[in-house]
Amino acid sequence: MVRLPVIAALLFSGFFGTQRAAAHCDGMDGPVVKAARGALEAGDVRIVLAWVQKDDEAAVREAFTQTQAVRRLNSQAQELADRYFYETVVRIHRAGEGEPYTGLKPAGRDPGLAVESADKAIESGSVDGLVKLLSEAAAKGVRERFQQVRARKGFASGDTDAGREYVKAYVEFIHYAEGLHDAIQRGEQHPERSHDMGKHAAH
């Protein structure tokens, strides 16, 4: 079983997908925009400040003040001002992760099974489903690559082409196992930095 301290590391690594997890926070239905919307509705910028670095608080507070002033004019102004605030917060949030801002993405996108399962784990209070998903994904990846190595190991001496096929399978198997182990070690040694591992392997 994959140990709990490495779940975040695996989510943002290249082993279970691409950068869909990293892009989860730039959606209109993502957690950052939800927090920004909540802050505007409640008139309390503190609701969204957790999503940005402390050094970026001033910029978010300024954008919040400007947005609150403009959105009072009329419904059209409110829509534009809200959008501006969402974009500002998401851009600053992603910059804090070391990721580029490529614009707000529409709601309803598929975030990927790992991100969806992670969100469900938080909502339900149980991480068992997520652990099972990641454990099975890791085991499947290891077994498949192992079988490829075994199938190519018995090549005839002097058959260079077959030998190269074996070496290719061997390298992929070893790198996959090493990459998983490194992700586990980094996650256990620096759990507070596990969110950095996407940009990292991809993130």
Protein backbone atom coordinates (compact mmCIF):
# COMPACT_ATOMS: atom_id res chain seq x y z
CA MET A 1 0.00 0.00 0.00
CA VAL A 2 1.10 3.56 -0.73
CA ARG A 3 1.68 5.32 2.61
CA LEU A 4 -0.47 8.31 3.44
CA PRO A 5 2.34 10.94 3.66
CA VAL A 6 3.05 10.55 -0.06
CA ILE A 7 -0.49 10.91 -1.43
CA ALA A 8 -0.02 14.57 -2.28
CA ALA A 9 3.32 13.88 -3.90
CA LEU A 10 1.85 11.16 -6.10
CA LEU A 11 -1.12 13.28 -7.07
CA PHE A 12 1.14 15.94 -8.54
CA SER A 13 3.76 13.65 -10.02
CA GLY A 14 3.97 12.42 -13.57
CA PHE A 15 3.07 8.84 -12.63
CA PHE A 16 -0.71 9.22 -12.56
CA GLY A 17 -1.41 11.79 -15.21
CA THR A 18 -0.30 15.11 -16.63
CA GLN A 19 -0.78 18.60 -15.26
CA ARG A 20 -4.53 18.29 -14.76
CA ALA A 21 -4.07 18.32 -11.00
CA ALA A 22 -1.91 21.40 -11.15
CA ALA A 23 -4.55 23.11 -13.24
CA HIS A 24 -7.37 22.16 -10.85
CA CYS A 25 -7.20 25.55 -9.15
CA ASP A 26 -7.68 27.66 -12.28
CA GLY A 27 -11.23 26.51 -13.03
CA MET A 28 -14.34 28.60 -12.50
CA ASP A 29 -15.61 25.79 -10.29
CA GLY A 30 -12.25 25.27 -8.62
CA PRO A 31 -11.50 25.94 -4.95
CA VAL A 32 -9.73 29.27 -5.52
CA VAL A 33 -12.59 30.87 -7.44
CA LYS A 34 -15.07 29.43 -4.93
CA ALA A 35 -13.16 31.10 -2.12
CA ALA A 36 -12.92 34.37 -4.08
CA ARG A 37 -16.65 34.30 -4.80
CA GLY A 38 -17.36 33.63 -1.13
CA ALA A 39 -15.19 36.57 -0.12
CA LEU A 40 -17.07 38.93 -2.43
CA GLU A 41 -20.47 37.69 -1.32
CA ALA A 42 -19.57 37.99 2.35
CA GLY A 43 -17.61 41.22 1.93
CA ASP A 44 -14.70 39.61 3.75
CA VAL A 45 -11.39 39.26 1.89
CA ARG A 46 -10.02 36.99 4.60
CA ILE A 47 -12.05 34.13 3.14
CA VAL A 48 -9.74 33.94 0.13
CA LEU A 49 -6.40 34.94 1.67
CA ALA A 50 -5.50 31.36 2.59
CA TRP A 51 -5.07 30.66 -1.14
CA VAL A 52 -2.24 33.16 -1.61
CA GLN A 53 1.18 33.63 -0.06
CA LYS A 54 1.52 36.06 2.82
CA ASP A 55 3.64 38.39 0.71
CA ASP A 56 0.81 38.59 -1.83
CA GLU A 57 -1.92 39.55 0.65
CA ALA A 58 -1.60 43.26 -0.06
CA ALA A 59 -2.20 42.78 -3.79
CA VAL A 60 -5.29 40.67 -3.15
CA ARG A 61 -6.66 43.12 -0.61
CA GLU A 62 -6.20 45.98 -3.07
CA ALA A 63 -7.94 44.05 -5.84
CA PHE A 64 -10.74 43.18 -3.42
CA THR A 65 -11.28 46.81 -2.47
CA GLN A 66 -11.34 47.89 -6.11
CA THR A 67 -13.73 45.11 -7.03
CA GLN A 68 -16.12 45.90 -4.20
CA ALA A 69 -16.28 49.53 -5.31
CA VAL A 70 -16.92 48.76 -8.98
CA ARG A 71 -19.42 45.94 -8.50
CA ARG A 72 -21.81 48.31 -6.70
CA LEU A 73 -22.39 50.33 -9.90
CA ASN A 74 -24.66 47.92 -11.77
CA SER A 75 -25.06 44.26 -12.67
CA GLN A 76 -22.81 44.46 -15.71
CA ALA A 77 -20.08 46.21 -13.74
CA GLN A 78 -20.44 43.59 -11.02
CA GLU A 79 -19.94 40.74 -13.49
CA LEU A 80 -16.80 42.33 -14.94
CA ALA A 81 -15.41 43.28 -11.55
CA ASP A 82 -15.99 39.79 -10.16
CA ARG A 83 -14.22 38.25 -13.13
CA TYR A 84 -11.29 40.59 -12.61
CA PHE A 85 -11.03 39.55 -8.97
CA TYR A 86 -11.20 35.83 -9.79
CA GLU A 87 -8.46 36.21 -12.39
CA THR A 88 -6.28 38.23 -10.02
CA VAL A 89 -6.54 35.73 -7.19
CA VAL A 90 -5.98 32.69 -9.41
CA ARG A 91 -3.00 34.34 -11.12
CA ILE A 92 -1.42 35.19 -7.76
CA HIS A 93 -2.20 31.74 -6.37
CA ARG A 94 -0.55 29.98 -9.30
CA ALA A 95 2.45 32.28 -9.17
CA GLY A 96 2.85 31.26 -5.55
CA GLU A 97 3.01 27.63 -6.72
CA GLY A 98 5.58 28.52 -9.35
CA GLU A 99 3.07 27.86 -12.13
CA PRO A 100 2.12 30.14 -15.05
CA TYR A 101 -1.34 31.68 -15.28
CA THR A 102 -3.06 30.74 -18.54
CA GLY A 103 -6.49 32.19 -17.84
CA LEU A 104 -9.60 30.96 -16.07
CA LYS A 105 -10.92 27.65 -17.33
CA PRO A 106 -14.64 26.86 -17.71
CA ALA A 107 -16.53 24.93 -15.07
CA GLY A 108 -17.28 21.26 -15.61
CA ARG A 109 -13.84 20.13 -16.73
CA ASP A 110 -12.69 16.66 -15.74
CA PRO A 111 -9.96 17.23 -13.14
CA GLY A 112 -8.80 13.65 -13.36
CA LEU A 113 -9.65 10.67 -11.17
CA ALA A 114 -6.93 11.35 -8.60
CA VAL A 115 -8.00 14.95 -7.95
CA GLU A 116 -11.67 13.98 -7.88
CA SER A 117 -10.94 11.20 -5.39
CA ALA A 118 -8.83 13.52 -3.25
CA ASP A 119 -11.64 16.07 -3.08
CA LYS A 120 -14.13 13.33 -2.18
CA ALA A 121 -11.79 12.11 0.56
CA ILE A 122 -11.74 15.58 2.13
CA GLU A 123 -15.52 15.93 1.86
CA SER A 124 -16.28 12.46 3.23
CA GLY A 125 -13.60 12.40 5.91
CA SER A 126 -12.25 9.07 4.63
CA VAL A 127 -9.07 8.66 2.60
CA ASP A 128 -9.48 4.91 2.01
CA GLY A 129 -10.77 5.27 -1.55
CA LEU A 130 -7.91 7.55 -2.54
CA VAL A 131 -5.29 5.28 -0.98
CA LYS A 132 -6.78 2.32 -2.84
CA LEU A 133 -6.75 4.23 -6.14
CA LEU A 134 -3.12 5.33 -5.80
CA SER A 135 -1.95 1.95 -4.50
CA GLU A 136 -3.56 0.12 -7.40
CA ALA A 137 -2.21 2.63 -9.93
CA ALA A 138 1.33 2.30 -8.59
CA ALA A 139 1.12 -1.50 -8.45
CA LYS A 140 -0.25 -1.66 -11.99
CA GLY A 141 2.54 0.54 -13.31
CA VAL A 142 5.23 -1.54 -11.62
CA ARG A 143 3.76 -4.90 -12.69
CA GLU A 144 3.31 -3.86 -16.32
CA ARG A 145 6.88 -2.64 -16.63
CA PHE A 146 8.19 -5.71 -14.82
CA GLN A 147 6.39 -7.99 -17.26
CA GLN A 148 7.90 -6.08 -20.19
CA VAL A 149 11.39 -6.66 -18.78
CA ARG A 150 10.75 -10.35 -18.12
CA ALA A 151 9.35 -10.87 -21.61
CA ARG A 152 12.49 -9.44 -23.21
CA LYS A 153 15.14 -10.77 -20.86
CA GLY A 154 15.83 -14.06 -22.63
CA PHE A 155 17.05 -12.58 -25.91
CA ALA A 156 19.58 -14.57 -27.89
CA SER A 157 23.23 -13.64 -27.49
CA GLY A 158 24.28 -11.52 -30.41
CA ASP A 159 20.74 -10.33 -31.21
CA THR A 160 21.43 -6.62 -30.84
CA ASP A 161 17.92 -5.47 -31.73
CA ALA A 162 16.34 -7.75 -29.14
CA GLY A 163 18.99 -6.67 -26.66
CA ARG A 164 18.09 -3.04 -27.16
CA GLU A 165 14.41 -3.82 -26.63
CA TYR A 166 15.36 -5.45 -23.34
CA VAL A 167 17.50 -2.51 -22.29
CA LYS A 168 14.68 -0.09 -23.11
CA ALA A 169 12.20 -2.08 -20.99
CA TYR A 170 14.78 -2.42 -18.21
CA VAL A 171 15.48 1.32 -18.09
CA GLU A 172 11.76 2.18 -18.03
CA PHE A 173 11.15 -0.30 -15.21
CA ILE A 174 14.07 0.91 -13.10
CA HIS A 175 13.27 4.59 -13.63
CA TYR A 176 9.62 4.06 -12.78
CA ALA A 177 10.46 2.25 -9.54
CA GLU A 178 13.11 4.82 -8.67
CA GLY A 179 10.75 7.70 -9.40
CA LEU A 180 8.04 6.26 -7.16
CA HIS A 181 10.50 5.67 -4.36
CA ASP A 182 11.95 9.18 -4.67
CA ALA A 183 8.46 10.69 -4.52
CA ILE A 184 7.75 8.69 -1.37
CA GLN A 185 11.00 9.76 0.26
CA ARG A 186 10.51 13.43 -0.60
CA GLY A 187 6.96 13.36 0.68
CA GLU A 188 8.00 11.84 4.00
CA GLN A 189 10.98 14.13 4.51
CA HIS A 190 9.22 17.33 3.46
CA PRO A 191 5.44 16.80 3.76
CA GLU A 192 4.84 20.56 3.89
CA ARG A 193 6.40 20.86 0.43
CA SER A 194 4.59 17.97 -1.25
CA HIS A 195 2.49 20.43 -3.30
CA ASP A 196 5.70 21.39 -5.11
CA MET A 197 6.12 17.98 -6.71
CA GLY A 198 3.96 18.55 -9.74
CA LYS A 199 6.01 21.17 -11.41
CA HIS A 200 8.64 18.96 -10.41
CA ALA A 201 7.84 15.85 -12.35
CA ALA A 202 5.71 17.25 -15.14
CA HIS A 203 2.76 19.58 -12.72
